[in-house]
Protein backbone atom coordinates (compact mmCIF):
# COMPACT_ATOMS: atom_id res chain seq x y z
CA MET A 1 169.44 45.50 66.65
CA ARG A 2 168.73 42.77 63.70
CA MET A 3 169.40 40.37 66.74
CA LYS A 4 167.00 41.78 69.10
CA LYS A 5 164.37 40.81 66.59
CA ASN A 6 165.53 37.13 66.33
CA ILE A 7 165.01 36.55 69.78
CA ILE A 8 161.88 38.43 70.06
CA THR A 9 160.92 36.04 67.23
CA ILE A 10 162.35 32.71 68.62
CA LEU A 11 160.34 33.30 72.38
CA ILE A 12 156.94 33.76 70.04
CA LEU A 13 157.41 30.15 68.48
CA LEU A 14 158.47 29.00 71.96
CA SER A 15 154.96 30.17 73.38
CA VAL A 16 153.23 28.93 70.40
CA LEU A 17 154.29 25.62 70.64
CA ILE A 18 153.77 25.30 74.73
CA VAL A 19 150.39 26.23 73.92
CA LEU A 20 149.99 23.63 71.17
CA GLY A 21 151.30 21.38 73.47
CA GLY A 22 148.84 22.09 76.35
CA CYS A 23 146.08 21.28 73.60
CA GLY A 24 147.68 18.05 72.60
CA SER A 25 147.97 16.64 76.48
CA ASN A 26 144.04 17.53 76.87
CA GLU A 27 143.03 16.14 74.18
CA THR A 28 144.50 12.99 74.98
CA SER A 29 143.52 13.10 78.78
CA LYS A 30 139.56 13.30 77.36
CA GLU A 31 140.36 10.27 74.69
CA SER A 32 142.13 8.20 77.20
CA GLU A 33 138.95 9.22 79.94
CA GLN A 34 136.33 8.38 77.06
CA SER A 35 138.02 5.00 76.66
CA GLU A 36 138.22 3.72 80.03
CA GLN A 37 133.86 4.53 80.49
CA VAL A 38 133.55 2.55 77.54
CA LYS A 39 135.54 -0.43 79.11
CA LYS A 40 133.49 0.04 82.21
CA GLU A 41 130.56 -0.09 80.31
CA GLU A 42 131.49 -3.40 78.82
CA VAL A 43 132.65 -5.24 82.03
CA GLU A 44 129.38 -4.08 83.45
CA THR A 45 127.35 -5.53 80.54
CA GLU A 46 129.29 -8.86 80.24
CA LYS A 47 128.68 -9.24 84.15
CA LYS A 48 124.79 -8.39 83.63
CA ASP A 49 124.91 -11.09 81.00
CA GLU A 50 126.83 -13.51 82.66
CA GLU A 51 124.42 -13.03 85.70
CA SER A 52 121.25 -13.31 83.50
CA SER A 53 122.82 -16.46 82.16
CA ASP A 54 123.25 -17.70 85.16
CA ASP A 55 119.66 -17.12 86.48
CA ASP A 56 118.92 -18.80 83.17
CA THR A 57 120.61 -21.90 84.03
CA GLU A 58 119.33 -22.10 87.40
CA GLN A 59 115.67 -21.73 86.04
CA GLU A 60 116.20 -24.27 83.32
CA GLN A 61 117.51 -26.84 85.99
CA GLU A 62 114.31 -26.55 88.50
CA VAL A 63 112.43 -29.83 88.85
CA SER A 64 108.97 -30.43 89.79
CA THR A 65 108.78 -32.32 93.04
CA THR A 66 104.85 -32.44 93.39
CA LEU A 67 102.05 -33.46 91.89
CA GLU A 68 100.87 -29.55 92.07
CA GLU A 69 104.33 -28.45 90.46
CA ILE A 70 103.48 -30.71 87.44
CA ILE A 71 100.47 -29.89 86.76
CA GLU A 72 101.16 -26.74 86.34
CA GLU A 73 103.80 -27.08 83.73
CA LYS A 74 103.35 -26.62 80.25
CA SER A 75 102.71 -29.92 78.00
CA GLY A 76 105.21 -30.90 75.20
CA LYS A 77 104.90 -29.79 71.62
CA TYR A 78 104.35 -33.88 71.17
CA ALA A 79 102.20 -34.79 73.84
CA GLY A 80 99.56 -36.90 73.44
CA ASN A 81 98.59 -37.89 69.93
CA ALA A 82 100.94 -35.55 68.70
CA TYR A 83 103.95 -37.90 69.33
CA ASN A 84 105.68 -39.20 66.99
CA GLU A 85 108.76 -41.27 67.50
CA ALA A 86 110.72 -40.57 64.32
CA ILE A 87 109.81 -36.64 64.73
CA VAL A 88 111.04 -36.85 67.97
CA HIS A 89 114.53 -38.06 66.75
CA ARG A 90 114.77 -35.25 64.02
CA ASP A 91 114.26 -32.37 66.79
CA LEU A 92 116.84 -34.11 68.89
CA ASP A 93 119.16 -34.58 65.95
CA GLU A 94 119.11 -30.58 65.01
CA ASN A 95 120.29 -29.81 68.47
CA SER A 96 123.54 -30.25 70.74
CA PHE A 97 123.23 -31.76 74.06
CA GLN A 98 127.11 -32.51 74.96
CA ASP A 99 128.06 -29.34 76.53
CA LYS A 100 124.18 -29.64 78.53
CA ASP A 101 124.02 -30.99 81.88
CA SER A 102 121.02 -33.90 83.02
CA PHE A 103 118.81 -30.65 84.21
CA GLN A 104 118.94 -28.96 81.09
CA VAL A 105 118.36 -32.01 78.65
CA TYR A 106 115.75 -33.05 81.19
CA ASN A 107 114.01 -29.76 81.21
CA TYR A 108 114.43 -30.49 76.97
CA LEU A 109 112.99 -33.52 76.73
CA LEU A 110 109.68 -32.45 79.08
CA SER A 111 109.27 -29.53 76.49
CA LEU A 112 108.73 -32.20 74.12
CA MET A 113 106.99 -34.80 75.77
CA SER A 114 105.48 -33.67 79.27
CA GLU A 115 101.55 -34.55 79.66
CA SER A 116 101.17 -32.24 82.36
CA GLU A 117 98.24 -30.07 80.93
CA THR A 118 96.28 -33.51 80.83
CA TYR A 119 97.33 -34.79 84.03
CA LYS A 120 95.75 -31.57 85.65
CA GLU A 121 92.63 -32.68 83.56
CA PHE A 122 92.52 -35.37 85.54
CA TYR A 123 93.06 -33.94 88.90
CA GLU A 124 90.19 -31.38 88.28
CA ASP A 125 88.07 -34.28 87.73
CA LEU A 126 88.95 -36.18 90.66
CA GLN A 127 88.70 -33.04 92.80
CA ASN A 128 85.41 -32.44 91.39
CA PHE A 129 83.81 -36.17 91.53
CA ASN A 130 81.07 -36.37 93.63
CA ASP A 131 81.81 -39.60 95.39
CA SER A 132 78.68 -39.89 97.50
CA ILE A 133 75.78 -41.67 96.63
CA GLU A 134 73.10 -39.49 95.14
CA THR A 135 70.32 -41.71 94.76
CA SER A 136 67.24 -40.72 96.89
CA ILE A 137 65.63 -43.66 98.32
CA SER A 138 62.03 -43.71 97.67
CA SER A 139 58.86 -43.10 99.82
CA THR A 140 58.16 -46.52 101.33
CA PRO A 141 54.68 -48.40 101.38
CA GLU A 142 54.14 -46.21 104.80
CA GLY A 143 55.65 -43.01 103.28
CA MET A 144 58.37 -42.62 104.98
CA LYS A 145 61.86 -41.44 103.59
CA LEU A 146 65.35 -43.18 103.71
CA GLU A 147 67.93 -40.82 103.37
CA ASP A 148 70.38 -38.50 104.75
CA GLY A 149 71.30 -41.23 107.26
CA GLN A 150 67.97 -40.98 108.69
CA THR A 151 65.61 -44.08 109.08
CA ILE A 152 62.12 -45.15 108.92
CA ASN A 153 59.83 -46.51 111.55
CA GLY A 154 57.55 -48.01 109.12
CA THR A 155 54.20 -45.68 110.36
CA SER A 156 51.55 -45.25 108.83
CA ASN A 157 47.97 -43.47 109.32
CA ILE A 158 45.11 -45.99 108.91
CA ALA A 159 41.72 -44.37 109.13
CA ILE A 160 38.66 -46.73 109.14
CA LEU A 161 35.08 -44.84 108.26
CA LEU A 162 32.53 -47.26 109.61
CA ASP A 163 29.15 -46.92 108.32
CA ALA A 164 26.34 -47.06 111.15
CA SER A 165 22.85 -46.66 109.12
CA GLY A 166 20.22 -48.40 110.07
CA SER A 167 20.71 -50.57 107.33
CA MET A 168 23.54 -51.90 108.76
CA ALA A 169 21.76 -53.45 111.72
CA GLN A 170 20.46 -56.12 109.30
CA LYS A 171 21.16 -59.58 110.19
CA ILE A 172 23.56 -62.46 107.98
CA GLY A 173 23.97 -65.65 109.52
CA GLY A 174 22.64 -64.66 112.90
CA LYS A 175 24.55 -61.89 113.58
CA THR A 176 24.05 -58.12 112.44
CA LYS A 177 26.34 -56.60 109.55
CA MET A 178 27.30 -54.13 112.23
CA GLU A 179 28.51 -56.80 114.61
CA LEU A 180 30.15 -58.57 111.79
CA ALA A 181 32.07 -55.31 110.69
CA LYS A 182 33.37 -54.33 114.11
CA GLN A 183 34.85 -57.82 114.83
CA ALA A 184 36.72 -57.61 111.11
CA VAL A 185 37.77 -53.81 111.63
CA ASN A 186 38.99 -54.59 115.24
CA GLU A 187 41.16 -57.96 113.94
CA PHE A 188 42.19 -56.24 110.82
CA VAL A 189 43.71 -52.97 112.84
CA ALA A 190 45.20 -55.67 115.46
CA SER A 191 47.02 -56.81 113.18
CA MET A 192 48.90 -53.88 111.61
CA PRO A 193 52.57 -53.37 112.37
CA GLU A 194 53.91 -52.19 115.98
CA GLY A 195 53.74 -48.14 115.21
CA SER A 196 50.95 -47.63 112.53
CA ASN A 197 48.55 -44.91 113.57
CA ILE A 198 44.69 -46.11 113.64
CA SER A 199 41.59 -43.89 113.91
CA LEU A 200 37.88 -44.60 113.96
CA ARG A 201 35.04 -42.30 112.35
CA VAL A 202 31.76 -43.65 112.41
CA TYR A 203 28.83 -41.87 110.12
CA GLY A 204 25.17 -41.91 110.55
CA HIS A 205 24.95 -43.04 114.03
CA LYS A 206 22.41 -40.13 115.04
CA GLY A 207 18.38 -39.79 114.72
CA SER A 208 17.07 -42.43 112.83
CA ASN A 209 16.82 -43.38 109.12
CA SER A 210 13.13 -41.74 109.11
CA ASP A 211 12.86 -38.42 106.70
CA LYS A 212 12.38 -36.36 110.04
CA ASP A 213 16.14 -37.06 111.63
CA LYS A 214 17.80 -37.19 107.89
CA LYS A 215 19.10 -33.69 108.50
CA ALA A 216 20.55 -34.62 112.22
CA SER A 217 21.74 -37.80 110.96
CA CYS A 218 23.17 -36.85 107.92
CA SER A 219 25.78 -34.43 109.72
CA SER A 220 26.62 -36.93 112.46
CA THR A 221 29.93 -38.18 112.12
CA GLU A 222 32.02 -38.82 115.12
CA LEU A 223 35.86 -39.48 115.71
CA VAL A 224 35.64 -42.61 118.79
CA TYR A 225 39.13 -43.28 118.61
CA GLU A 226 41.56 -40.26 117.47
CA LEU A 227 44.78 -41.18 115.52
CA ASN A 228 46.97 -43.15 117.90
CA SER A 229 48.62 -46.10 118.10
CA TYR A 230 46.11 -49.19 118.23
CA ASP A 231 45.04 -50.19 122.50
CA GLU A 232 43.22 -53.38 122.56
CA SER A 233 41.16 -52.21 125.30
CA THR A 234 40.29 -48.64 124.50
CA PHE A 235 39.76 -49.61 120.51
CA LYS A 236 37.21 -52.09 121.58
CA GLU A 237 35.42 -49.72 124.05
CA SER A 238 35.32 -47.05 121.11
CA LEU A 239 33.82 -50.03 118.73
CA ASN A 240 30.99 -50.57 121.61
CA SER A 241 29.88 -46.48 121.81
CA PHE A 242 27.64 -46.39 118.87
CA LYS A 243 24.76 -48.93 117.07
CA PRO A 244 23.36 -48.22 113.65
CA THR A 245 20.67 -46.28 113.51
CA GLY A 246 20.54 -43.61 110.87
CA TRP A 247 20.89 -42.23 107.59
CA THR A 248 24.70 -42.69 105.13
CA PRO A 249 26.45 -39.22 105.04
CA ILE A 250 29.60 -41.05 103.25
CA ALA A 251 30.88 -37.31 101.57
CA ASN A 252 30.30 -36.06 104.74
CA ALA A 253 32.50 -38.47 106.44
CA ILE A 254 35.42 -38.54 104.20
CA ASN A 255 35.60 -34.12 104.43
CA GLU A 256 35.93 -34.91 107.95
CA THR A 257 38.74 -37.07 108.20
CA LYS A 258 40.75 -34.68 105.22
CA LYS A 259 40.18 -32.58 108.54
CA ASP A 260 41.20 -35.61 110.77
CA PHE A 261 44.91 -35.92 108.58
CA GLU A 262 45.56 -32.17 108.54
CA GLN A 263 46.07 -32.06 112.27
CA VAL A 264 48.69 -35.00 111.82
CA THR A 265 52.57 -33.86 111.75
CA ASN A 266 53.85 -37.56 111.07
CA GLU A 267 55.32 -38.21 107.63
CA ALA A 268 53.43 -41.17 106.72
CA GLN A 269 51.10 -42.83 104.21
CA ASN A 270 47.55 -41.74 104.72
CA ILE A 271 45.37 -44.70 104.05
CA ILE A 272 41.58 -44.90 104.64
CA TYR A 273 38.81 -47.71 104.60
CA VAL A 274 35.47 -47.09 104.48
CA VAL A 275 33.22 -49.89 105.43
CA SER A 276 29.64 -49.49 104.18
CA ASP A 277 26.53 -51.24 103.44
CA GLY A 278 25.27 -48.94 100.76
CA VAL A 279 25.49 -45.40 98.73
CA GLU A 280 25.47 -42.19 99.97
CA THR A 281 21.97 -41.46 101.06
CA CYS A 282 22.56 -37.63 102.48
CA ASP A 283 22.62 -35.58 98.89
CA GLY A 284 27.22 -35.77 99.58
CA ASP A 285 29.26 -36.30 96.19
CA PRO A 286 31.14 -39.05 97.81
CA VAL A 287 33.51 -39.33 94.48
CA LYS A 288 34.21 -35.03 94.36
CA ALA A 289 35.37 -35.76 98.31
CA ALA A 290 37.22 -38.61 97.43
CA LYS A 291 39.08 -36.83 94.57
CA GLU A 292 39.82 -33.81 96.44
CA LEU A 293 41.02 -35.88 99.28
CA HIS A 294 43.65 -38.02 97.15
CA ASP A 295 44.74 -34.94 95.32
CA SER A 296 45.60 -32.98 98.12
CA ASN A 297 48.89 -32.45 99.88
CA ILE A 298 47.42 -35.45 102.04
CA LYS A 299 47.25 -37.87 99.17
CA ALA A 300 45.43 -40.41 101.23
CA VAL A 301 44.04 -43.34 99.34
CA VAL A 302 40.29 -44.15 99.96
CA ASN A 303 39.85 -48.07 99.20
CA ILE A 304 35.86 -48.64 99.72
CA MET A 305 34.90 -52.31 101.53
CA GLY A 306 30.97 -52.84 100.19
CA PHE A 307 29.55 -55.05 102.56
CA ASP A 308 26.69 -56.72 101.00
CA VAL A 309 25.66 -53.71 98.22
CA ASP A 310 23.80 -54.39 95.45
CA GLN A 311 24.21 -53.69 92.06
CA ASP A 312 23.75 -49.97 91.85
CA GLY A 313 25.57 -49.61 95.17
CA GLN A 314 28.52 -51.51 93.91
CA LYS A 315 28.98 -48.76 90.74
CA GLN A 316 28.42 -45.94 92.86
CA LEU A 317 31.27 -46.86 95.48
CA LEU A 318 33.95 -48.13 92.98
CA GLN A 319 33.75 -44.76 91.22
CA VAL A 320 34.60 -43.36 95.03
CA ALA A 321 37.42 -46.07 95.39
CA GLU A 322 39.27 -45.07 92.32
CA ALA A 323 38.23 -41.23 92.64
CA GLY A 324 40.13 -41.92 95.81
CA GLY A 325 42.92 -43.72 94.08
CA GLY A 326 42.05 -47.13 96.25
CA LYS A 327 40.58 -50.11 95.37
CA PHE A 328 36.72 -51.63 96.12
CA GLU A 329 36.11 -55.04 97.36
CA THR A 330 32.62 -56.51 98.15
CA VAL A 331 32.06 -58.50 101.18
CA ASP A 332 28.90 -60.62 102.02
CA SER A 333 29.96 -62.21 105.43
CA ALA A 334 32.53 -62.34 108.57
CA ASP A 335 34.88 -64.94 106.23
CA ASP A 336 34.93 -62.46 103.37
CA PHE A 337 35.97 -59.51 105.44
CA LYS A 338 38.79 -61.44 106.79
CA LYS A 339 40.03 -62.47 102.96
CA VAL A 340 39.62 -58.93 102.48
CA TRP A 341 41.91 -57.97 105.21
CA GLU A 342 44.15 -60.70 104.45
CA ARG A 343 45.22 -59.88 101.03
CA GLU A 344 45.48 -55.88 101.99
CA ARG A 345 48.05 -57.29 104.19
CA VAL A 346 49.34 -59.55 101.65
CA ARG A 347 49.19 -56.69 99.27
CA LEU A 348 51.25 -54.48 101.94
CA TYR A 349 53.89 -57.10 101.95
CA ASN A 350 54.51 -57.09 98.47
CA GLU A 351 54.45 -53.38 98.21
CA TRP A 352 57.50 -53.94 101.15
CA SER A 353 59.50 -56.32 98.94
CA SER A 354 58.92 -54.55 95.64
CA TRP A 355 60.72 -51.18 97.84
CA SER A 356 63.16 -53.23 98.91
CA ALA A 357 64.36 -54.70 95.47
CA GLU A 358 63.82 -51.31 93.37
CA ASN A 359 65.60 -49.32 96.14
CA TYR A 360 68.13 -51.88 96.35
CA ASN A 361 68.97 -52.27 92.70
CA ASP A 362 68.66 -47.93 92.18
CA ILE A 363 71.34 -47.68 94.71
CA ALA A 364 73.70 -50.34 93.47
CA ALA A 365 73.29 -48.98 89.64
CA GLU A 366 74.59 -45.74 90.84
CA GLN A 367 77.29 -47.60 93.38
CA SER A 368 78.66 -49.46 89.85
CA LYS A 369 78.69 -46.86 87.47
CA LYS A 370 80.53 -44.15 90.00
CA ILE A 371 83.47 -46.67 90.69
CA ASN A 372 83.33 -48.13 86.59
CA GLU A 373 83.75 -44.50 85.90
CA LEU A 374 86.38 -43.74 88.47
CA TYR A 375 88.39 -47.32 87.64
CA GLY A 376 88.10 -45.71 83.94
CA SER A 377 89.90 -42.80 84.96
CA LYS A 378 92.63 -43.86 87.10
CA SER A 379 93.22 -46.45 84.17
CA ASP A 380 93.44 -43.76 81.22
CA PHE A 381 95.67 -41.82 83.97
CA SER A 382 98.02 -44.55 85.03
CA ASN A 383 98.14 -45.71 80.83
CA LEU A 384 99.07 -41.85 80.28
CA THR A 385 101.77 -41.88 83.08
CA TYR A 386 103.08 -45.22 81.60
CA ASP A 387 103.34 -43.57 77.76
CA GLU A 388 104.97 -40.48 79.11
CA LYS A 389 107.64 -42.30 80.89
CA ASN A 390 108.42 -44.55 78.04
CA HIS A 391 108.53 -41.63 75.30
CA LEU A 392 111.34 -40.02 77.91
CA ASN A 393 113.27 -42.68 78.53
CA GLU A 394 113.40 -43.84 74.61
CA ALA A 395 114.53 -40.37 74.01
CA VAL A 396 117.05 -40.40 76.70
CA TYR A 397 118.50 -43.88 74.84
CA TYR A 398 118.56 -42.49 71.74
CA LEU A 399 120.68 -39.64 72.53
CA LYS A 400 123.00 -41.63 74.28
CA ASP A 401 123.37 -44.02 70.93
CA LYS A 402 123.98 -41.24 69.35
CA GLU A 403 126.62 -39.89 71.96
CA GLN A 404 124.89 -36.91 72.19
CA ILE A 405 124.81 -37.57 76.07
CA SER A 406 127.48 -39.37 78.60
CA SER A 407 126.20 -42.30 80.68
CA ASP A 408 126.64 -40.83 83.47
CA VAL A 409 123.75 -37.99 82.43
CA ARG A 410 122.02 -40.79 80.72
CA GLU A 411 121.96 -42.50 84.37
CA GLU A 412 120.91 -38.94 86.24
CA LEU A 413 118.22 -38.23 83.58
CA LEU A 414 116.51 -42.24 83.86
CA SER A 415 116.53 -41.40 87.87
CA LEU A 416 114.65 -38.07 86.85
CA ILE A 417 111.91 -39.59 84.99
CA LYS A 418 111.50 -41.99 87.63
CA GLN A 419 111.19 -39.67 90.23
CA ARG A 420 108.57 -37.79 88.04
CA HIS A 421 106.72 -41.40 87.03
CA THR A 422 106.65 -41.87 91.10
CA ILE A 423 105.12 -38.78 92.09
CA LEU A 424 102.26 -39.32 89.48
CA ASP A 425 101.45 -43.17 90.36
CA GLU A 426 101.15 -42.40 94.27
CA TYR A 427 98.07 -40.03 93.44
CA GLN A 428 96.13 -42.78 91.57
CA GLU A 429 95.63 -43.64 95.73
CA GLU A 430 93.15 -40.61 95.70
CA TYR A 431 90.86 -42.83 93.22
CA LYS A 432 91.42 -46.00 95.29
CA ALA A 433 90.04 -43.75 98.16
CA SER A 434 87.10 -42.33 96.36
CA ILE A 435 86.12 -45.79 95.19
CA GLU A 436 86.29 -47.10 98.93
CA GLU A 437 84.41 -44.27 99.92
CA ILE A 438 81.61 -45.13 97.15
CA GLU A 439 81.97 -48.89 98.56
CA THR A 440 81.16 -48.02 101.78
CA GLU A 441 78.46 -45.67 101.59
CA GLY A 442 76.88 -47.79 98.94
CA LYS A 443 77.10 -51.02 101.31
CA ARG A 444 75.75 -49.03 104.48
CA LEU A 445 72.34 -47.76 102.29
CA LYS A 446 71.83 -51.50 100.77
CA GLU A 447 71.99 -52.92 104.09
CA GLU A 448 69.70 -50.44 105.88
CA ILE A 449 67.04 -50.91 102.75
CA GLN A 450 67.48 -54.96 103.15
CA ASP A 451 66.93 -54.57 107.35
CA LYS A 452 63.81 -52.47 106.92
CA GLY A 453 62.19 -54.32 104.04
CA LYS A 454 62.92 -57.75 105.99
CA GLU A 455 61.45 -55.96 109.19
CA MET A 456 58.45 -54.96 107.67
CA LYS A 457 57.67 -58.03 105.54
CA ASP A 458 57.90 -60.13 109.13
CA LYS A 459 55.53 -57.41 110.62
CA TYR A 460 52.77 -57.88 107.52
CA SER A 461 53.60 -62.13 107.34
CA ASN A 462 52.36 -62.43 111.04
């Protein structure tokens, strides 16, 4: 009986030991699995760190090979006026470069001394620079404009207003005032440059100078030669189509001439020559008429030629000329007429001379200003590239002297710096191209001005 109890006790103890052994085995297995998972995660983390490190190294080793890439870099912290050789040396001394390759060292040096952001400013300024001549050629004496490649032809619109009142029948030196005036007018218009447009309007040629015919005569003004190029036979025929008879409607003739000019489509200077031997006798206001014409969009100049006019008449006609922005001349003979016309030709000749000189100088001034601006910018850009190159080279030799880099790394660094400088140096060709463009356009415009000025002066000097 006792033996049986002992056997039962032994079986119970064995059962407990088996259970405890099973539990211990499970716990050991779990601990082993957890340990393996940790190791796996550590390996993956190390792998990721290595890949990240490799990516960083590759990123650090990127080298700009175009200007566009260079100007997108950040400037170094010691760029421009911040550069100080001693401070750069101290920065280099605080770092170790013995375990770095040439690309890593190169990029670090750029982070200290790159001038990229300033290069970008130069680049954008040149891209936005207007290398065209912007000065507009001023109106010529004949009013045409020379710009945007368009040439001028020297055309002018010249209107002759001839007094045909009865007083023009008076004789001077065996000829009537009208005969002398017609002869002088014909000689003048015949001497105008080829291409000039001429018109002839007569006034006061109807009725008579008696009171009963005043209304009819004062309303009489006729365009006997419509604005056109000069044709000798046709113009002479027009001059012979009327005789002096009536009153003197100067204001009416000027107002009608304004309407004549309003029909003109060409762009030219409008010039009026009023030939009269007396004042307004038709109750009109020639001063007002001349001012309105001159101040209108037509901008015609009203010149008055007083033929054998008394003092009171000269005073009024002078006021008309001043209101019309022109000149007043007095003549008493055929020779006086010729002298006046000749002076007018000389005046126009001198205007062309002044026009040529002024516009030539204006073009030359803008041309010089723009070229000098480009040369100045080009010089500043070039100096900056050399400063950057010298600063980088100096740092390379400093590191070599300090035994921070090997001779091979030094040579590789100098080659990279030279490559960068070459890219920047080649960009200066863009400055040269803009300068050549301005020089070419300026030369063309100046030659065009000189040629046109000479052509017109030759015509007026005949």
